[in-house]
Amino acid sequence: MHKTLYLGACLSLLVLIFLCLSWELWLAPLRPGGSWMALKALPLLLPLLGILRGKRYTYQWASMLILAYFAEGVVRAAGDNGTAPALALVEALLALVFFVSAIFYARLTRESQPRSG
């Protein structure tokens, strides 16, 4: 189970980084020729190494970071035109997969702690 959650988090994060870059540079940029919105992929690089190394703490804080990408996906799916809504739905789905994988990975890798009471 740990391996499945690890792979889900790693793959969804890597694909989300690729999606953010390709969306804003080639697939459906806000401006022809690319957009500065491609910089939204930069925050996703911060947890990448920790996620790939299976660091529990990184999974915990990255699960909060990814919620911004979920929110952007939902908002842009409802408000954009052309191919952008489909890309936004994929973004929201990838963010959701990462969130669920990260939360359960962090929970399952928790060190056993004695329960009080």
C-alpha atoms as a PDB file:
ATOM      1  CA  MET A   1       0.000   0.000   0.000  1.00  0.00           C
ATOM      2  CA  HIS A   2       2.847   2.404   0.826  1.00  0.00           C
ATOM      3  CA  LYS A   3       4.363   1.783  -2.608  1.00  0.00           C
ATOM      4  CA  THR A   4       1.076   2.520  -4.399  1.00  0.00           C
ATOM      5  CA  LEU A   5       0.592   5.786  -2.506  1.00  0.00           C
ATOM      6  CA  TYR A   6       4.217   6.743  -3.106  1.00  0.00           C
ATOM      7  CA  LEU A   7       3.878   6.110  -6.840  1.00  0.00           C
ATOM      8  CA  GLY A   8       0.551   7.962  -6.967  1.00  0.00           C
ATOM      9  CA  ALA A   9       2.065  11.024  -5.318  1.00  0.00           C
ATOM     10  CA  CYS A  10       5.254  10.969  -7.400  1.00  0.00           C
ATOM     11  CA  LEU A  11       3.538  10.454 -10.733  1.00  0.00           C
ATOM     12  CA  SER A  12       0.748  12.949 -10.136  1.00  0.00           C
ATOM     13  CA  LEU A  13       3.252  15.621  -9.046  1.00  0.00           C
ATOM     14  CA  LEU A  14       5.525  15.038 -12.039  1.00  0.00           C
ATOM     15  CA  VAL A  15       2.616  15.048 -14.489  1.00  0.00           C
ATOM     16  CA  LEU A  16       1.191  18.169 -12.850  1.00  0.00           C
ATOM     17  CA  ILE A  17       4.503  19.985 -13.291  1.00  0.00           C
ATOM     18  CA  PHE A  18       4.597  18.955 -16.946  1.00  0.00           C
ATOM     19  CA  LEU A  19       0.936  19.947 -17.416  1.00  0.00           C
ATOM     20  CA  CYS A  20       1.429  23.401 -15.903  1.00  0.00           C
ATOM     21  CA  LEU A  21       4.394  24.101 -18.143  1.00  0.00           C
ATOM     22  CA  SER A  22       2.906  22.730 -21.354  1.00  0.00           C
ATOM     23  CA  TRP A  23      -0.489  24.350 -20.712  1.00  0.00           C
ATOM     24  CA  GLU A  24       0.888  27.865 -20.247  1.00  0.00           C
ATOM     25  CA  LEU A  25       3.642  27.642 -22.861  1.00  0.00           C
ATOM     26  CA  TRP A  26       2.089  25.665 -25.752  1.00  0.00           C
ATOM     27  CA  LEU A  27      -1.328  24.066 -25.305  1.00  0.00           C
ATOM     28  CA  ALA A  28      -3.561  26.966 -24.252  1.00  0.00           C
ATOM     29  CA  PRO A  29      -1.516  29.939 -23.021  1.00  0.00           C
ATOM     30  CA  LEU A  30      -3.248  33.109 -21.893  1.00  0.00           C
ATOM     31  CA  ARG A  31      -1.268  34.997 -24.562  1.00  0.00           C
ATOM     32  CA  PRO A  32      -0.051  33.678 -27.920  1.00  0.00           C
ATOM     33  CA  GLY A  33       3.515  32.444 -27.716  1.00  0.00           C
ATOM     34  CA  GLY A  34       3.380  31.549 -24.028  1.00  0.00           C
ATOM     35  CA  SER A  35       2.530  33.131 -20.750  1.00  0.00           C
ATOM     36  CA  TRP A  36       4.252  34.046 -17.495  1.00  0.00           C
ATOM     37  CA  MET A  37       1.637  31.817 -15.878  1.00  0.00           C
ATOM     38  CA  ALA A  38       4.071  28.964 -16.603  1.00  0.00           C
ATOM     39  CA  LEU A  39       5.868  30.133 -13.464  1.00  0.00           C
ATOM     40  CA  LYS A  40       3.067  28.524 -11.471  1.00  0.00           C
ATOM     41  CA  ALA A  41       5.005  25.273 -11.909  1.00  0.00           C
ATOM     42  CA  LEU A  42       7.900  26.589  -9.783  1.00  0.00           C
ATOM     43  CA  PRO A  43       6.286  26.012  -6.366  1.00  0.00           C
ATOM     44  CA  LEU A  44       5.698  22.399  -7.391  1.00  0.00           C
ATOM     45  CA  LEU A  45       9.452  21.926  -7.672  1.00  0.00           C
ATOM     46  CA  LEU A  46       9.955  22.731  -3.983  1.00  0.00           C
ATOM     47  CA  PRO A  47       8.571  19.444  -2.627  1.00  0.00           C
ATOM     48  CA  LEU A  48       9.707  17.302  -5.579  1.00  0.00           C
ATOM     49  CA  LEU A  49      12.934  15.958  -4.073  1.00  0.00           C
ATOM     50  CA  GLY A  50      11.328  15.208  -0.707  1.00  0.00           C
ATOM     51  CA  ILE A  51       8.404  13.463  -2.386  1.00  0.00           C
ATOM     52  CA  LEU A  52      10.715  11.335  -4.518  1.00  0.00           C
ATOM     53  CA  ARG A  53      12.739  10.430  -1.417  1.00  0.00           C
ATOM     54  CA  GLY A  54       9.603   9.499   0.529  1.00  0.00           C
ATOM     55  CA  LYS A  55      10.039  12.131   3.262  1.00  0.00           C
ATOM     56  CA  ARG A  56       6.909  12.097   5.407  1.00  0.00           C
ATOM     57  CA  TYR A  57       7.205  15.752   6.440  1.00  0.00           C
ATOM     58  CA  THR A  58       7.316  16.823   2.770  1.00  0.00           C
ATOM     59  CA  TYR A  59       4.180  14.815   2.072  1.00  0.00           C
ATOM     60  CA  GLN A  60       2.456  16.630   4.921  1.00  0.00           C
ATOM     61  CA  TRP A  61       3.186  20.204   3.851  1.00  0.00           C
ATOM     62  CA  ALA A  62       2.965  19.497   0.122  1.00  0.00           C
ATOM     63  CA  SER A  63      -0.579  18.224   0.632  1.00  0.00           C
ATOM     64  CA  MET A  64      -1.502  21.760   1.705  1.00  0.00           C
ATOM     65  CA  LEU A  65       0.377  23.407  -1.189  1.00  0.00           C
ATOM     66  CA  ILE A  66      -1.415  21.279  -3.755  1.00  0.00           C
ATOM     67  CA  LEU A  67      -4.809  22.623  -2.695  1.00  0.00           C
ATOM     68  CA  ALA A  68      -4.020  25.890  -4.519  1.00  0.00           C
ATOM     69  CA  TYR A  69      -3.659  23.914  -7.766  1.00  0.00           C
ATOM     70  CA  PHE A  70      -6.918  22.095  -7.115  1.00  0.00           C
ATOM     71  CA  ALA A  71      -8.665  25.427  -6.569  1.00  0.00           C
ATOM     72  CA  GLU A  72      -7.145  26.913  -9.725  1.00  0.00           C
ATOM     73  CA  GLY A  73      -8.245  23.881 -11.727  1.00  0.00           C
ATOM     74  CA  VAL A  74     -11.826  24.128 -10.516  1.00  0.00           C
ATOM     75  CA  VAL A  75     -12.029  27.893 -11.091  1.00  0.00           C
ATOM     76  CA  ARG A  76     -10.465  27.800 -14.542  1.00  0.00           C
ATOM     77  CA  ALA A  77     -12.577  24.809 -15.578  1.00  0.00           C
ATOM     78  CA  ALA A  78     -15.668  26.912 -14.889  1.00  0.00           C
ATOM     79  CA  GLY A  79     -14.441  30.208 -16.330  1.00  0.00           C
ATOM     80  CA  ASP A  80     -12.027  29.651 -19.222  1.00  0.00           C
ATOM     81  CA  ASN A  81     -12.777  29.012 -22.893  1.00  0.00           C
ATOM     82  CA  GLY A  82     -11.379  26.662 -25.527  1.00  0.00           C
ATOM     83  CA  THR A  83      -9.166  23.788 -24.407  1.00  0.00           C
ATOM     84  CA  ALA A  84      -8.340  25.418 -21.075  1.00  0.00           C
ATOM     85  CA  PRO A  85     -11.343  23.939 -19.182  1.00  0.00           C
ATOM     86  CA  ALA A  86     -10.291  20.397 -20.098  1.00  0.00           C
ATOM     87  CA  LEU A  87      -6.725  21.130 -19.004  1.00  0.00           C
ATOM     88  CA  ALA A  88      -8.048  22.673 -15.808  1.00  0.00           C
ATOM     89  CA  LEU A  89     -10.062  19.555 -15.028  1.00  0.00           C
ATOM     90  CA  VAL A  90      -6.953  17.432 -15.520  1.00  0.00           C
ATOM     91  CA  GLU A  91      -5.074  19.797 -13.204  1.00  0.00           C
ATOM     92  CA  ALA A  92      -7.770  19.472 -10.529  1.00  0.00           C
ATOM     93  CA  LEU A  93      -7.806  15.680 -10.907  1.00  0.00           C
ATOM     94  CA  LEU A  94      -4.003  15.433 -10.614  1.00  0.00           C
ATOM     95  CA  ALA A  95      -4.045  17.691  -7.568  1.00  0.00           C
ATOM     96  CA  LEU A  96      -6.739  15.520  -6.001  1.00  0.00           C
ATOM     97  CA  VAL A  97      -4.767  12.326  -6.687  1.00  0.00           C
ATOM     98  CA  PHE A  98      -1.667  13.892  -5.144  1.00  0.00           C
ATOM     99  CA  PHE A  99      -3.605  15.156  -2.119  1.00  0.00           C
ATOM    100  CA  VAL A 100      -5.194  11.795  -1.345  1.00  0.00           C
ATOM    101  CA  SER A 101      -1.945   9.895  -1.953  1.00  0.00           C
ATOM    102  CA  ALA A 102       0.072  12.290   0.199  1.00  0.00           C
ATOM    103  CA  ILE A 103      -2.403  12.304   3.081  1.00  0.00           C
ATOM    104  CA  PHE A 104      -2.652   8.526   3.241  1.00  0.00           C
ATOM    105  CA  TYR A 105       1.093   8.053   2.720  1.00  0.00           C
ATOM    106  CA  ALA A 106       1.817  10.390   5.632  1.00  0.00           C
ATOM    107  CA  ARG A 107      -0.754   8.600   7.765  1.00  0.00           C
ATOM    108  CA  LEU A 108       0.541   5.111   6.977  1.00  0.00           C
ATOM    109  CA  THR A 109       4.170   6.050   7.526  1.00  0.00           C
ATOM    110  CA  ARG A 110       3.479   7.628  10.898  1.00  0.00           C
ATOM    111  CA  GLU A 111       5.710   6.229  13.594  1.00  0.00           C
ATOM    112  CA  SER A 112       3.768   4.261  16.137  1.00  0.00           C
ATOM    113  CA  GLN A 113       3.060   6.522  19.060  1.00  0.00           C
ATOM    114  CA  PRO A 114       1.776   5.337  22.422  1.00  0.00           C
ATOM    115  CA  ARG A 115      -1.814   6.403  22.937  1.00  0.00           C
ATOM    116  CA  SER A 116      -2.659   8.228  26.105  1.00  0.00           C
ATOM    117  CA  GLY A 117      -5.833   7.706  28.005  1.00  0.00           C
END
